[in-house]
Amino acid sequence: MASTQRVVKAVAGMVGILGLGVGLWAAMTPDEAQLKERIKDLPRSSPQQRAERRHLNAQVMATIKEAAETNENVARRTWPWHK
């Protein structure tokens, strides 16, 4: 009988600790408005910076495509190189 009570108390304690952790986690999670506000403050969020990033990504993809189409080791080329 005493061992059953100990097991019940242990399980209740674990459930209580777990419930407390989940409750604190839910309380700390930002809502949708706070998330949108944080996104506005992120770096590279301006349209000009996004356009620059798209341009850089296009250049990188073009270089990767060219490297895939040639048998030459493009890593050994001197920089800047042209066709």
N, C-alpha and C. Protein backbone atom coordinates (compact mmCIF):
# COMPACT_ATOMS: atom_id res chain seq x y z
N MET A 1 0.82 -1.19 0.00
CA MET A 1 0.00 0.00 0.00
C MET A 1 0.87 1.25 0.00
N ALA A 2 1.92 1.24 0.80
CA ALA A 2 2.79 2.41 0.88
C ALA A 2 3.55 2.61 -0.42
N SER A 3 3.92 1.50 -1.08
CA SER A 3 4.64 1.64 -2.35
C SER A 3 3.72 2.21 -3.43
N THR A 4 2.46 1.86 -3.39
CA THR A 4 1.51 2.40 -4.36
C THR A 4 1.37 3.91 -4.18
N GLN A 5 1.32 4.36 -2.94
CA GLN A 5 1.21 5.80 -2.68
C GLN A 5 2.46 6.53 -3.15
N ARG A 6 3.62 5.93 -2.98
CA ARG A 6 4.87 6.54 -3.43
C ARG A 6 4.89 6.67 -4.95
N VAL A 7 4.42 5.63 -5.63
CA VAL A 7 4.38 5.66 -7.09
C VAL A 7 3.41 6.74 -7.56
N VAL A 8 2.25 6.83 -6.94
CA VAL A 8 1.25 7.84 -7.31
C VAL A 8 1.81 9.24 -7.07
N LYS A 9 2.48 9.45 -5.93
CA LYS A 9 3.08 10.76 -5.65
C LYS A 9 4.18 11.09 -6.65
N ALA A 10 4.98 10.10 -7.02
CA ALA A 10 6.06 10.34 -7.98
C ALA A 10 5.49 10.71 -9.35
N VAL A 11 4.47 9.99 -9.78
CA VAL A 11 3.85 10.28 -11.07
C VAL A 11 3.18 11.65 -11.03
N ALA A 12 2.50 11.97 -9.95
CA ALA A 12 1.86 13.28 -9.82
C ALA A 12 2.91 14.40 -9.83
N GLY A 13 4.04 14.17 -9.19
CA GLY A 13 5.11 15.17 -9.19
C GLY A 13 5.67 15.38 -10.59
N MET A 14 5.89 14.29 -11.32
CA MET A 14 6.41 14.42 -12.69
C MET A 14 5.41 15.14 -13.59
N VAL A 15 4.14 14.79 -13.45
CA VAL A 15 3.11 15.46 -14.25
C VAL A 15 3.05 16.94 -13.89
N GLY A 16 3.18 17.26 -12.61
CA GLY A 16 3.17 18.66 -12.18
C GLY A 16 4.33 19.45 -12.76
N ILE A 17 5.53 18.87 -12.70
CA ILE A 17 6.72 19.54 -13.25
C ILE A 17 6.57 19.73 -14.76
N LEU A 18 6.10 18.67 -15.43
CA LEU A 18 5.90 18.76 -16.88
C LEU A 18 4.86 19.82 -17.22
N GLY A 19 3.78 19.86 -16.47
CA GLY A 19 2.74 20.86 -16.68
C GLY A 19 3.26 22.28 -16.46
N LEU A 20 4.09 22.44 -15.45
CA LEU A 20 4.68 23.75 -15.18
C LEU A 20 5.57 24.17 -16.34
N GLY A 21 6.38 23.24 -16.84
CA GLY A 21 7.26 23.56 -17.97
C GLY A 21 6.48 23.95 -19.21
N VAL A 22 5.43 23.19 -19.53
CA VAL A 22 4.61 23.50 -20.71
C VAL A 22 3.90 24.84 -20.52
N GLY A 23 3.43 25.10 -19.31
CA GLY A 23 2.76 26.38 -19.05
C GLY A 23 3.69 27.57 -19.21
N LEU A 24 4.91 27.44 -18.70
CA LEU A 24 5.88 28.53 -18.85
C LEU A 24 6.28 28.71 -20.31
N TRP A 25 6.43 27.61 -21.02
CA TRP A 25 6.78 27.70 -22.45
C TRP A 25 5.66 28.40 -23.22
N ALA A 26 4.42 28.07 -22.95
CA ALA A 26 3.29 28.70 -23.63
C ALA A 26 3.20 30.19 -23.27
N ALA A 27 3.55 30.53 -22.04
CA ALA A 27 3.49 31.94 -21.63
C ALA A 27 4.59 32.76 -22.29
N MET A 28 5.73 32.15 -22.58
CA MET A 28 6.85 32.88 -23.16
C MET A 28 6.78 32.99 -24.68
N THR A 29 5.98 32.17 -25.34
CA THR A 29 5.90 32.16 -26.79
C THR A 29 5.22 33.45 -27.27
N PRO A 30 5.86 34.18 -28.22
CA PRO A 30 5.25 35.42 -28.69
C PRO A 30 4.03 35.14 -29.58
N ASP A 31 3.11 36.10 -29.56
CA ASP A 31 1.94 35.93 -30.42
C ASP A 31 2.24 36.41 -31.84
N GLU A 32 1.26 36.35 -32.71
CA GLU A 32 1.46 36.66 -34.13
C GLU A 32 1.91 38.10 -34.35
N ALA A 33 1.34 39.04 -33.62
CA ALA A 33 1.71 40.45 -33.77
C ALA A 33 3.17 40.68 -33.38
N GLN A 34 3.60 40.06 -32.31
CA GLN A 34 4.99 40.21 -31.88
C GLN A 34 5.95 39.58 -32.90
N LEU A 35 5.56 38.45 -33.49
CA LEU A 35 6.41 37.83 -34.50
C LEU A 35 6.56 38.72 -35.73
N LYS A 36 5.46 39.33 -36.17
CA LYS A 36 5.52 40.23 -37.33
C LYS A 36 6.38 41.45 -37.03
N GLU A 37 6.31 41.94 -35.81
CA GLU A 37 7.13 43.08 -35.41
C GLU A 37 8.61 42.72 -35.41
N ARG A 38 8.94 41.52 -34.96
CA ARG A 38 10.34 41.07 -34.96
C ARG A 38 10.86 40.89 -36.39
N ILE A 39 10.01 40.40 -37.27
CA ILE A 39 10.43 40.17 -38.65
C ILE A 39 10.78 41.49 -39.32
N LYS A 40 10.07 42.56 -39.00
CA LYS A 40 10.35 43.87 -39.58
C LYS A 40 11.75 44.35 -39.19
N ASP A 41 12.21 43.97 -38.00
CA ASP A 41 13.49 44.44 -37.49
C ASP A 41 14.67 43.58 -37.94
N LEU A 42 14.40 42.49 -38.65
CA LEU A 42 15.48 41.62 -39.08
C LEU A 42 16.35 42.29 -40.14
N PRO A 43 17.64 41.96 -40.16
CA PRO A 43 18.47 42.51 -41.22
C PRO A 43 18.06 41.90 -42.56
N ARG A 44 18.39 42.59 -43.63
CA ARG A 44 18.06 42.19 -45.00
C ARG A 44 16.55 42.15 -45.24
N SER A 45 15.81 43.00 -44.58
CA SER A 45 14.37 42.99 -44.78
C SER A 45 13.91 44.11 -45.71
N SER A 46 14.83 44.98 -46.12
CA SER A 46 14.42 46.05 -47.03
C SER A 46 14.38 45.52 -48.46
N PRO A 47 13.57 46.10 -49.32
CA PRO A 47 13.48 45.65 -50.71
C PRO A 47 14.81 45.75 -51.46
N GLN A 48 15.59 46.77 -51.18
CA GLN A 48 16.89 46.92 -51.85
C GLN A 48 17.83 45.77 -51.47
N GLN A 49 17.88 45.43 -50.21
CA GLN A 49 18.75 44.34 -49.77
C GLN A 49 18.29 43.00 -50.32
N ARG A 50 16.96 42.81 -50.41
CA ARG A 50 16.45 41.56 -51.00
C ARG A 50 16.81 41.48 -52.47
N ALA A 51 16.75 42.61 -53.20
CA ALA A 51 17.12 42.62 -54.62
C ALA A 51 18.61 42.30 -54.78
N GLU A 52 19.44 42.87 -53.93
CA GLU A 52 20.87 42.58 -53.98
C GLU A 52 21.13 41.09 -53.72
N ARG A 53 20.42 40.52 -52.77
CA ARG A 53 20.59 39.10 -52.45
C ARG A 53 20.14 38.22 -53.62
N ARG A 54 19.03 38.58 -54.28
CA ARG A 54 18.58 37.82 -55.45
C ARG A 54 19.61 37.88 -56.56
N HIS A 55 20.20 39.07 -56.77
CA HIS A 55 21.22 39.23 -57.81
C HIS A 55 22.44 38.37 -57.50
N LEU A 56 22.89 38.39 -56.26
CA LEU A 56 24.04 37.58 -55.86
C LEU A 56 23.73 36.09 -56.01
N ASN A 57 22.54 35.67 -55.63
CA ASN A 57 22.16 34.27 -55.78
C ASN A 57 22.13 33.87 -57.26
N ALA A 58 21.67 34.76 -58.13
CA ALA A 58 21.66 34.46 -59.56
C ALA A 58 23.08 34.31 -60.09
N GLN A 59 24.00 35.14 -59.63
CA GLN A 59 25.39 35.02 -60.06
C GLN A 59 26.00 33.70 -59.59
N VAL A 60 25.72 33.33 -58.36
CA VAL A 60 26.25 32.07 -57.83
C VAL A 60 25.69 30.89 -58.61
N MET A 61 24.40 30.92 -58.90
CA MET A 61 23.79 29.82 -59.65
C MET A 61 24.37 29.74 -61.06
N ALA A 62 24.64 30.88 -61.69
CA ALA A 62 25.25 30.87 -63.02
C ALA A 62 26.65 30.27 -62.97
N THR A 63 27.40 30.58 -61.94
CA THR A 63 28.74 30.01 -61.78
C THR A 63 28.67 28.51 -61.56
N ILE A 64 27.74 28.07 -60.75
CA ILE A 64 27.57 26.64 -60.50
C ILE A 64 27.16 25.92 -61.78
N LYS A 65 26.27 26.54 -62.55
CA LYS A 65 25.83 25.93 -63.81
C LYS A 65 27.00 25.81 -64.78
N GLU A 66 27.81 26.85 -64.88
CA GLU A 66 28.97 26.81 -65.77
C GLU A 66 29.96 25.75 -65.32
N ALA A 67 30.17 25.63 -64.02
CA ALA A 67 31.09 24.63 -63.50
C ALA A 67 30.58 23.22 -63.78
N ALA A 68 29.28 23.04 -63.76
CA ALA A 68 28.71 21.72 -64.02
C ALA A 68 28.83 21.35 -65.50
N GLU A 69 28.85 22.34 -66.37
CA GLU A 69 28.88 22.08 -67.81
C GLU A 69 30.29 21.88 -68.35
N THR A 70 31.32 22.13 -67.57
CA THR A 70 32.70 22.02 -68.06
C THR A 70 33.44 20.89 -67.34
N ASN A 71 34.47 20.39 -67.99
CA ASN A 71 35.30 19.37 -67.37
C ASN A 71 36.49 19.98 -66.64
N GLU A 72 36.67 21.27 -66.78
CA GLU A 72 37.78 21.98 -66.16
C GLU A 72 37.51 22.16 -64.66
N ASN A 73 38.57 22.14 -63.87
CA ASN A 73 38.44 22.38 -62.44
C ASN A 73 38.36 23.88 -62.21
N VAL A 74 37.16 24.39 -62.03
CA VAL A 74 36.97 25.84 -61.91
C VAL A 74 37.51 26.39 -60.60
N ALA A 75 37.75 25.54 -59.62
CA ALA A 75 38.32 26.00 -58.35
C ALA A 75 39.77 26.44 -58.52
N ARG A 76 40.44 25.98 -59.58
CA ARG A 76 41.85 26.31 -59.80
C ARG A 76 42.03 27.56 -60.65
N ARG A 77 40.96 28.14 -61.13
CA ARG A 77 41.07 29.35 -61.95
C ARG A 77 41.51 30.53 -61.10
N THR A 78 42.21 31.48 -61.72
CA THR A 78 42.55 32.70 -61.01
C THR A 78 41.37 33.64 -61.03
N TRP A 79 41.25 34.41 -60.02
CA TRP A 79 40.10 35.31 -59.88
C TRP A 79 40.50 36.71 -60.27
N PRO A 80 39.77 37.51 -60.92
CA PRO A 80 38.51 37.22 -61.60
C PRO A 80 38.77 36.58 -62.96
N TRP A 81 37.94 35.67 -63.35
CA TRP A 81 38.12 34.99 -64.62
C TRP A 81 36.90 35.23 -65.49
N HIS A 82 37.11 35.15 -66.76
CA HIS A 82 36.04 35.33 -67.74
C HIS A 82 36.14 34.23 -68.77
N LYS A 83 35.08 34.01 -69.48
CA LYS A 83 35.07 32.98 -70.51
C LYS A 83 36.03 33.32 -71.63
